[in-house]
Each structure stands twice: as C-alpha cells, then as structure tokens.
Amino acid sequence: MLQAGILAKNAVEKGLKTAPYIKTSLSPGSGVVTAYFEASGVDKYLDQLGFTTAGYGCMTCIGNSGDLSDAITNAVNSGDLVVASVLSGNRNFEGRVHPLTRANYLASPPLVVAYALAGTVDIDFETQPIGKDSEGKDVFLRDIWPSRKQVSDISASVINAKLFSDFYSTTLTRNQRWNNLVAPAGELFEWTETSTYIHYPPFFKEMTREEPTTIPSV
C-alpha cells in the first residue's frame, strides 16, 4: 500500500494525471493504512489522482464504490465497449465490481495506480510510456516506480505497533453513528416483512425442527 502511495507521489511530481474516464476508489482493509499514509505524507498525492478513501474493507469488491457517470455509461452501452476493472481485492469476476465491466483483473496496489494513470490495460509497461510529464516528455513506469529500499525506509519510519494499538483500542467507540443504530437483540435473526434486502424463505413456514416436512415441488 505504501508503494502505491509513493508511486502516486512520484507520478504527481512528474505532472501525471488520471484520465477523466477512469473511475478510481480506495478502500483499505484497515484504518491503520490511513494512519501511515498520513504519517508518510502520501495521502495527498493519492487524493490528487482520485484515490481518496471511500471506506474500509469490502467497498470496490462488491460494487460499493458508486456508479459510473451517465456519459461513460452511455458510451459503454452505445459502443458495446469491453471496459476493464483493475483492483487489488479478490473479486475480479464479471459484474462484481460493476455490471458494465466485462474484463476484470487483479493487480498489486501500485499497479492499480499505474493502470489508472495509463488509462488502459492494453499497454506494455516495458516499452510504452505511461503518460507525459509537465513538459510533454514521455514517462515510463520505471521512471516513477519506487525502489525496494525507498519503500522499506519509509515503512520503517512510519509503521509501528502503536498505530495498530491506537486504532484498534477504539474499535467499539470510534463510530458513534454505528453504535447508535437500533438493532434487534436475541439469538435468532428477526425477520422484517418489509425488508427489501433479505426475506424469510417461504418453505420454512411449515417446517419444524422435530419433524421435517416434505418440501412441495414447484
């Protein structure tokens, strides 16, 4: 994750930007990531490229990063385009990230940023430039790729046990909006007839624990 942040910093300093038709989102698995992004100063560069934290955990991988703009949606549909998603989560099957993505790829966090900068997955990073700098000169991925030492040095300087203990010590009190939600109590799930999300299976209505009934065929 830090390598992605450093790559974003290097890209911004070169004058690179993400294309306007590229939708970006960032949802780390833990708030600790935000803490060491801020400590290392890379968060502002990720923000400039559109990788602003939208939430934590399953966001992009279940389509919670939001819809595409009408202009992009219309272009994809009218042109029957095969558009791609590139994500570092493990939900790279069709329709999971968005119904319009027909090609879905897994990549490391820094490569996700790299593909967003390139604006396409149809690129050979070894031989083709990822974009142009502020002076109009070609920039290759190797020009902005952080070295292993650079990543190790920054990791050693900003990541420590205190980040984790501070963050997880407030897990039960950090989000008062969540804590204030009214939720049913008890050992069993309380089915809500008006729910549009999950319904009580109709074949359970006449079924007992002691004497299972025959489920009628449809």
C-alpha atoms as a PDB file:
ATOM      1  CA  MET A   1       0.000   0.000   0.000  1.00  0.00           C
ATOM      2  CA  LEU A   2       2.838   2.399   0.793  1.00  0.00           C
ATOM      3  CA  GLN A   3       4.449   1.528  -2.514  1.00  0.00           C
ATOM      4  CA  ALA A   4       1.218   2.635  -4.235  1.00  0.00           C
ATOM      5  CA  GLY A   5       1.288   5.870  -2.274  1.00  0.00           C
ATOM      6  CA  ILE A   6       4.910   6.574  -3.157  1.00  0.00           C
ATOM      7  CA  LEU A   7       4.220   5.795  -6.817  1.00  0.00           C
ATOM      8  CA  ALA A   8       1.337   8.289  -6.705  1.00  0.00           C
ATOM      9  CA  LYS A   9       3.682  10.902  -5.224  1.00  0.00           C
ATOM     10  CA  ASN A  10       6.269  10.309  -7.933  1.00  0.00           C
ATOM     11  CA  ALA A  11       3.574  10.499 -10.616  1.00  0.00           C
ATOM     12  CA  VAL A  12       2.095  13.769  -9.365  1.00  0.00           C
ATOM     13  CA  GLU A  13       5.543  15.324  -9.111  1.00  0.00           C
ATOM     14  CA  LYS A  14       6.088  14.403 -12.764  1.00  0.00           C
ATOM     15  CA  GLY A  15       2.822  16.073 -13.691  1.00  0.00           C
ATOM     16  CA  LEU A  16       0.901  12.874 -14.465  1.00  0.00           C
ATOM     17  CA  LYS A  17      -2.877  12.664 -14.005  1.00  0.00           C
ATOM     18  CA  THR A  18      -5.549  10.014 -14.295  1.00  0.00           C
ATOM     19  CA  ALA A  19      -7.768  10.225 -17.357  1.00  0.00           C
ATOM     20  CA  PRO A  20     -11.255  11.701 -16.783  1.00  0.00           C
ATOM     21  CA  TYR A  21     -12.940   8.477 -17.937  1.00  0.00           C
ATOM     22  CA  ILE A  22     -11.150   6.405 -15.277  1.00  0.00           C
ATOM     23  CA  LYS A  23     -13.097   5.826 -12.057  1.00  0.00           C
ATOM     24  CA  THR A  24     -10.861   5.454  -9.017  1.00  0.00           C
ATOM     25  CA  SER A  25     -11.539   4.493  -5.428  1.00  0.00           C
ATOM     26  CA  LEU A  26      -9.598   3.425  -2.375  1.00  0.00           C
ATOM     27  CA  SER A  27     -10.838   1.183   0.428  1.00  0.00           C
ATOM     28  CA  PRO A  28      -8.022  -0.175   2.614  1.00  0.00           C
ATOM     29  CA  GLY A  29      -8.655  -3.150   4.818  1.00  0.00           C
ATOM     30  CA  SER A  30      -7.868  -1.147   7.947  1.00  0.00           C
ATOM     31  CA  GLY A  31      -7.828   2.415   9.215  1.00  0.00           C
ATOM     32  CA  VAL A  32      -4.191   1.834  10.123  1.00  0.00           C
ATOM     33  CA  VAL A  33      -3.414   2.245   6.425  1.00  0.00           C
ATOM     34  CA  THR A  34      -4.841   5.762   6.524  1.00  0.00           C
ATOM     35  CA  ALA A  35      -2.687   6.483   9.572  1.00  0.00           C
ATOM     36  CA  TYR A  36       0.562   5.511   7.870  1.00  0.00           C
ATOM     37  CA  PHE A  37      -0.476   7.176   4.615  1.00  0.00           C
ATOM     38  CA  GLU A  38      -0.881  10.421   6.545  1.00  0.00           C
ATOM     39  CA  ALA A  39       2.332   9.875   8.533  1.00  0.00           C
ATOM     40  CA  SER A  40       4.308   9.366   5.322  1.00  0.00           C
ATOM     41  CA  GLY A  41       2.571  12.251   3.530  1.00  0.00           C
ATOM     42  CA  VAL A  42       1.466  10.212   0.509  1.00  0.00           C
ATOM     43  CA  ASP A  43      -2.261  10.595   1.150  1.00  0.00           C
ATOM     44  CA  LYS A  44      -2.450  13.989  -0.562  1.00  0.00           C
ATOM     45  CA  TYR A  45      -0.881  12.576  -3.736  1.00  0.00           C
ATOM     46  CA  LEU A  46      -3.317   9.658  -3.821  1.00  0.00           C
ATOM     47  CA  ASP A  47      -6.125  12.201  -3.365  1.00  0.00           C
ATOM     48  CA  GLN A  48      -4.886  14.186  -6.359  1.00  0.00           C
ATOM     49  CA  LEU A  49      -5.117  11.066  -8.532  1.00  0.00           C
ATOM     50  CA  GLY A  50      -8.633  10.300  -7.298  1.00  0.00           C
ATOM     51  CA  PHE A  51      -7.688   7.578  -4.816  1.00  0.00           C
ATOM     52  CA  THR A  52      -9.482   9.100  -1.842  1.00  0.00           C
ATOM     53  CA  THR A  53     -10.509   6.685   0.879  1.00  0.00           C
ATOM     54  CA  ALA A  54     -14.180   5.792   0.444  1.00  0.00           C
ATOM     55  CA  GLY A  55     -14.343   3.325   3.315  1.00  0.00           C
ATOM     56  CA  TYR A  56     -12.655   0.258   4.709  1.00  0.00           C
ATOM     57  CA  GLY A  57     -12.945  -3.390   3.773  1.00  0.00           C
ATOM     58  CA  CYS A  58     -15.368  -4.543   1.092  1.00  0.00           C
ATOM     59  CA  MET A  59     -16.101  -1.446  -0.950  1.00  0.00           C
ATOM     60  CA  THR A  60     -14.934  -1.733  -4.545  1.00  0.00           C
ATOM     61  CA  CYS A  61     -15.029  -5.524  -4.434  1.00  0.00           C
ATOM     62  CA  ILE A  62     -18.809  -5.559  -4.005  1.00  0.00           C
ATOM     63  CA  GLY A  63     -19.634  -2.589  -6.170  1.00  0.00           C
ATOM     64  CA  ASN A  64     -19.912  -0.069  -3.348  1.00  0.00           C
ATOM     65  CA  SER A  65     -17.566   2.435  -4.972  1.00  0.00           C
ATOM     66  CA  GLY A  66     -20.533   4.038  -6.716  1.00  0.00           C
ATOM     67  CA  ASP A  67     -21.909   4.177 -10.216  1.00  0.00           C
ATOM     68  CA  LEU A  68     -20.287   5.458 -13.375  1.00  0.00           C
ATOM     69  CA  SER A  69     -21.219   8.828 -14.810  1.00  0.00           C
ATOM     70  CA  ASP A  70     -24.050   8.951 -17.343  1.00  0.00           C
ATOM     71  CA  ALA A  71     -21.642   9.951 -20.107  1.00  0.00           C
ATOM     72  CA  ILE A  72     -19.414   6.924 -19.519  1.00  0.00           C
ATOM     73  CA  THR A  73     -22.380   4.573 -19.099  1.00  0.00           C
ATOM     74  CA  ASN A  74     -23.907   5.776 -22.369  1.00  0.00           C
ATOM     75  CA  ALA A  75     -20.584   5.471 -24.199  1.00  0.00           C
ATOM     76  CA  VAL A  76     -20.063   1.898 -22.980  1.00  0.00           C
ATOM     77  CA  ASN A  77     -23.579   0.823 -23.896  1.00  0.00           C
ATOM     78  CA  SER A  78     -23.813   2.572 -27.255  1.00  0.00           C
ATOM     79  CA  GLY A  79     -20.360   1.437 -28.343  1.00  0.00           C
ATOM     80  CA  ASP A  80     -20.666  -2.069 -26.880  1.00  0.00           C
ATOM     81  CA  LEU A  81     -17.282  -1.443 -25.272  1.00  0.00           C
ATOM     82  CA  VAL A  82     -15.337  -4.051 -23.333  1.00  0.00           C
ATOM     83  CA  VAL A  83     -14.218  -1.990 -20.366  1.00  0.00           C
ATOM     84  CA  ALA A  84     -11.976  -3.289 -17.605  1.00  0.00           C
ATOM     85  CA  SER A  85     -11.609  -3.013 -13.877  1.00  0.00           C
ATOM     86  CA  VAL A  86      -8.265  -3.403 -12.149  1.00  0.00           C
ATOM     87  CA  LEU A  87      -8.341  -3.948  -8.420  1.00  0.00           C
ATOM     88  CA  SER A  88      -6.154  -5.312  -5.663  1.00  0.00           C
ATOM     89  CA  GLY A  89      -9.034  -7.152  -3.975  1.00  0.00           C
ATOM     90  CA  ASN A  90     -10.083 -10.684  -4.813  1.00  0.00           C
ATOM     91  CA  ARG A  91     -13.430 -10.021  -6.513  1.00  0.00           C
ATOM     92  CA  ASN A  92     -12.322  -9.944 -10.109  1.00  0.00           C
ATOM     93  CA  PHE A  93     -15.218 -11.829 -11.676  1.00  0.00           C
ATOM     94  CA  GLU A  94     -17.627 -10.279 -14.119  1.00  0.00           C
ATOM     95  CA  GLY A  95     -20.292  -7.988 -12.725  1.00  0.00           C
ATOM     96  CA  ARG A  96     -18.916  -7.905  -9.193  1.00  0.00           C
ATOM     97  CA  VAL A  97     -17.204  -4.510  -9.306  1.00  0.00           C
ATOM     98  CA  HIS A  98     -19.740  -3.041 -11.730  1.00  0.00           C
ATOM     99  CA  PRO A  99     -22.245  -4.581 -14.172  1.00  0.00           C
ATOM    100  CA  LEU A 100     -20.574  -2.835 -17.121  1.00  0.00           C
ATOM    101  CA  THR A 101     -17.068  -4.195 -16.547  1.00  0.00           C
ATOM    102  CA  ARG A 102     -16.527  -7.170 -18.823  1.00  0.00           C
ATOM    103  CA  ALA A 103     -12.820  -7.671 -18.157  1.00  0.00           C
ATOM    104  CA  ASN A 104     -11.611  -7.760 -14.564  1.00  0.00           C
ATOM    105  CA  TYR A 105      -8.032  -8.045 -13.405  1.00  0.00           C
ATOM    106  CA  LEU A 106      -6.185  -8.463 -10.124  1.00  0.00           C
ATOM    107  CA  ALA A 107      -3.051  -6.389  -9.589  1.00  0.00           C
ATOM    108  CA  SER A 108      -0.881  -5.136  -6.764  1.00  0.00           C
ATOM    109  CA  PRO A 109      -1.848  -1.731  -5.286  1.00  0.00           C
ATOM    110  CA  PRO A 110       0.938   0.149  -7.116  1.00  0.00           C
ATOM    111  CA  LEU A 111      -0.045  -1.450 -10.417  1.00  0.00           C
ATOM    112  CA  VAL A 112      -3.675  -0.423  -9.856  1.00  0.00           C
ATOM    113  CA  VAL A 113      -2.439   3.178  -9.682  1.00  0.00           C
ATOM    114  CA  ALA A 114      -0.221   2.609 -12.717  1.00  0.00           C
ATOM    115  CA  TYR A 115      -3.084   1.323 -14.878  1.00  0.00           C
ATOM    116  CA  ALA A 116      -5.242   4.254 -13.776  1.00  0.00           C
ATOM    117  CA  LEU A 117      -2.509   6.623 -14.933  1.00  0.00           C
ATOM    118  CA  ALA A 118      -2.124   4.772 -18.237  1.00  0.00           C
ATOM    119  CA  GLY A 119      -5.891   4.875 -18.793  1.00  0.00           C
ATOM    120  CA  THR A 120      -5.869   1.411 -20.356  1.00  0.00           C
ATOM    121  CA  VAL A 121      -4.917  -2.187 -19.637  1.00  0.00           C
ATOM    122  CA  ASP A 122      -3.768  -2.584 -23.235  1.00  0.00           C
ATOM    123  CA  ILE A 123      -0.226  -1.404 -22.533  1.00  0.00           C
ATOM    124  CA  ASP A 124       3.270  -2.848 -22.352  1.00  0.00           C
ATOM    125  CA  PHE A 125       4.845  -1.018 -19.437  1.00  0.00           C
ATOM    126  CA  GLU A 126       8.327  -2.013 -20.567  1.00  0.00           C
ATOM    127  CA  THR A 127       8.132  -0.359 -23.965  1.00  0.00           C
ATOM    128  CA  GLN A 128       5.222   2.103 -23.850  1.00  0.00           C
ATOM    129  CA  PRO A 129       5.050   5.328 -21.819  1.00  0.00           C
ATOM    130  CA  ILE A 130       2.504   5.592 -19.040  1.00  0.00           C
ATOM    131  CA  GLY A 131       1.927   9.249 -19.831  1.00  0.00           C
ATOM    132  CA  LYS A 132       3.651  12.578 -20.392  1.00  0.00           C
ATOM    133  CA  ASP A 133       5.197  14.859 -17.801  1.00  0.00           C
ATOM    134  CA  SER A 134       4.515  18.571 -17.350  1.00  0.00           C
ATOM    135  CA  GLU A 135       6.979  19.317 -20.167  1.00  0.00           C
ATOM    136  CA  GLY A 136       5.359  16.901 -22.594  1.00  0.00           C
ATOM    137  CA  LYS A 137       8.075  14.255 -22.323  1.00  0.00           C
ATOM    138  CA  ASP A 138       7.272  10.550 -22.173  1.00  0.00           C
ATOM    139  CA  VAL A 139       7.208   8.999 -18.717  1.00  0.00           C
ATOM    140  CA  PHE A 140       7.610   5.245 -18.321  1.00  0.00           C
ATOM    141  CA  LEU A 141       6.513   3.189 -15.352  1.00  0.00           C
ATOM    142  CA  ARG A 142      10.162   2.597 -14.456  1.00  0.00           C
ATOM    143  CA  ASP A 143      10.603   6.355 -14.061  1.00  0.00           C
ATOM    144  CA  ILE A 144       8.105   6.536 -11.186  1.00  0.00           C
ATOM    145  CA  TRP A 145       8.336   3.025  -9.729  1.00  0.00           C
ATOM    146  CA  PRO A 146       9.572   3.192  -6.091  1.00  0.00           C
ATOM    147  CA  SER A 147      12.678   1.211  -5.260  1.00  0.00           C
ATOM    148  CA  ARG A 148      12.522  -1.528  -2.646  1.00  0.00           C
ATOM    149  CA  LYS A 149      14.851   0.494  -0.409  1.00  0.00           C
ATOM    150  CA  GLN A 150      12.668   3.576  -0.676  1.00  0.00           C
ATOM    151  CA  VAL A 151       9.615   1.600   0.376  1.00  0.00           C
ATOM    152  CA  SER A 152      11.499  -0.172   3.191  1.00  0.00           C
ATOM    153  CA  ASP A 153      12.930   3.060   4.570  1.00  0.00           C
ATOM    154  CA  ILE A 154       9.567   4.827   4.638  1.00  0.00           C
ATOM    155  CA  SER A 155       7.815   1.755   6.055  1.00  0.00           C
ATOM    156  CA  ALA A 156      10.349   1.524   8.867  1.00  0.00           C
ATOM    157  CA  SER A 157       9.912   5.200   9.700  1.00  0.00           C
ATOM    158  CA  VAL A 158       6.097   5.372   9.819  1.00  0.00           C
ATOM    159  CA  ILE A 159       4.739   1.892  10.616  1.00  0.00           C
ATOM    160  CA  ASN A 160       4.900   0.802  14.228  1.00  0.00           C
ATOM    161  CA  ALA A 161       2.924  -1.173  16.794  1.00  0.00           C
ATOM    162  CA  LYS A 162       1.424   1.990  18.302  1.00  0.00           C
ATOM    163  CA  LEU A 163      -0.507   2.725  15.084  1.00  0.00           C
ATOM    164  CA  PHE A 164      -2.275  -0.614  15.431  1.00  0.00           C
ATOM    165  CA  SER A 165      -2.879  -0.462  19.181  1.00  0.00           C
ATOM    166  CA  ASP A 166      -4.218   3.105  18.999  1.00  0.00           C
ATOM    167  CA  PHE A 167      -6.587   2.296  16.150  1.00  0.00           C
ATOM    168  CA  TYR A 168      -7.974  -0.993  17.428  1.00  0.00           C
ATOM    169  CA  SER A 169      -8.287   0.191  21.033  1.00  0.00           C
ATOM    170  CA  THR A 170     -11.190   2.410  19.938  1.00  0.00           C
ATOM    171  CA  THR A 171     -12.971  -0.136  17.738  1.00  0.00           C
ATOM    172  CA  LEU A 172     -16.097  -0.239  19.925  1.00  0.00           C
ATOM    173  CA  THR A 173     -16.346   3.524  20.468  1.00  0.00           C
ATOM    174  CA  ARG A 174     -14.947   5.088  17.278  1.00  0.00           C
ATOM    175  CA  ASN A 175     -18.150   5.147  15.210  1.00  0.00           C
ATOM    176  CA  GLN A 176     -21.000   6.575  17.254  1.00  0.00           C
ATOM    177  CA  ARG A 177     -23.360   6.580  14.247  1.00  0.00           C
ATOM    178  CA  TRP A 178     -22.964   2.801  14.057  1.00  0.00           C
ATOM    179  CA  ASN A 179     -23.270   2.398  17.819  1.00  0.00           C
ATOM    180  CA  ASN A 180     -26.485   4.437  17.862  1.00  0.00           C
ATOM    181  CA  LEU A 181     -28.255   2.254  15.317  1.00  0.00           C
ATOM    182  CA  VAL A 182     -31.297   0.489  16.715  1.00  0.00           C
ATOM    183  CA  ALA A 183     -30.806  -3.236  16.231  1.00  0.00           C
ATOM    184  CA  PRO A 184     -32.837  -6.233  17.428  1.00  0.00           C
ATOM    185  CA  ALA A 185     -31.372  -8.354  20.193  1.00  0.00           C
ATOM    186  CA  GLY A 186     -31.564 -12.096  20.799  1.00  0.00           C
ATOM    187  CA  GLU A 187     -30.076 -15.298  19.498  1.00  0.00           C
ATOM    188  CA  LEU A 188     -32.178 -15.530  16.320  1.00  0.00           C
ATOM    189  CA  PHE A 189     -32.469 -13.171  13.379  1.00  0.00           C
ATOM    190  CA  GLU A 190     -35.639 -11.098  13.469  1.00  0.00           C
ATOM    191  CA  TRP A 191     -37.241 -11.255  10.026  1.00  0.00           C
ATOM    192  CA  THR A 192     -38.741  -7.990   8.796  1.00  0.00           C
ATOM    193  CA  GLU A 193     -41.684  -8.362   6.434  1.00  0.00           C
ATOM    194  CA  THR A 194     -40.995  -5.033   4.757  1.00  0.00           C
ATOM    195  CA  SER A 195     -37.322  -5.736   4.115  1.00  0.00           C
ATOM    196  CA  THR A 196     -36.207  -5.352   0.504  1.00  0.00           C
ATOM    197  CA  TYR A 197     -32.842  -6.929   1.238  1.00  0.00           C
ATOM    198  CA  ILE A 198     -33.497 -10.313   2.789  1.00  0.00           C
ATOM    199  CA  HIS A 199     -36.760 -12.241   3.025  1.00  0.00           C
ATOM    200  CA  TYR A 200     -37.934 -15.144   5.123  1.00  0.00           C
ATOM    201  CA  PRO A 201     -37.807 -18.274   2.906  1.00  0.00           C
ATOM    202  CA  PRO A 202     -41.421 -19.384   2.298  1.00  0.00           C
ATOM    203  CA  PHE A 203     -40.519 -23.065   2.533  1.00  0.00           C
ATOM    204  CA  PHE A 204     -39.575 -22.532   6.213  1.00  0.00           C
ATOM    205  CA  LYS A 205     -43.132 -21.605   7.215  1.00  0.00           C
ATOM    206  CA  GLU A 206     -44.414 -25.145   7.759  1.00  0.00           C
ATOM    207  CA  MET A 207     -41.086 -26.728   8.628  1.00  0.00           C
ATOM    208  CA  THR A 208     -40.425 -27.830  12.211  1.00  0.00           C
ATOM    209  CA  ARG A 209     -37.173 -28.761  13.867  1.00  0.00           C
ATOM    210  CA  GLU A 210     -38.513 -32.037  15.249  1.00  0.00           C
ATOM    211  CA  GLU A 211     -40.432 -33.371  12.213  1.00  0.00           C
ATOM    212  CA  PRO A 212     -39.142 -32.056   8.891  1.00  0.00           C
ATOM    213  CA  THR A 213     -41.910 -31.733   6.368  1.00  0.00           C
ATOM    214  CA  THR A 214     -41.783 -32.590   2.720  1.00  0.00           C
ATOM    215  CA  ILE A 215     -40.952 -29.568   0.610  1.00  0.00           C
ATOM    216  CA  PRO A 216     -43.505 -29.354  -2.206  1.00  0.00           C
ATOM    217  CA  SER A 217     -42.143 -29.321  -5.719  1.00  0.00           C
ATOM    218  CA  VAL A 218     -42.673 -26.189  -7.787  1.00  0.00           C
END
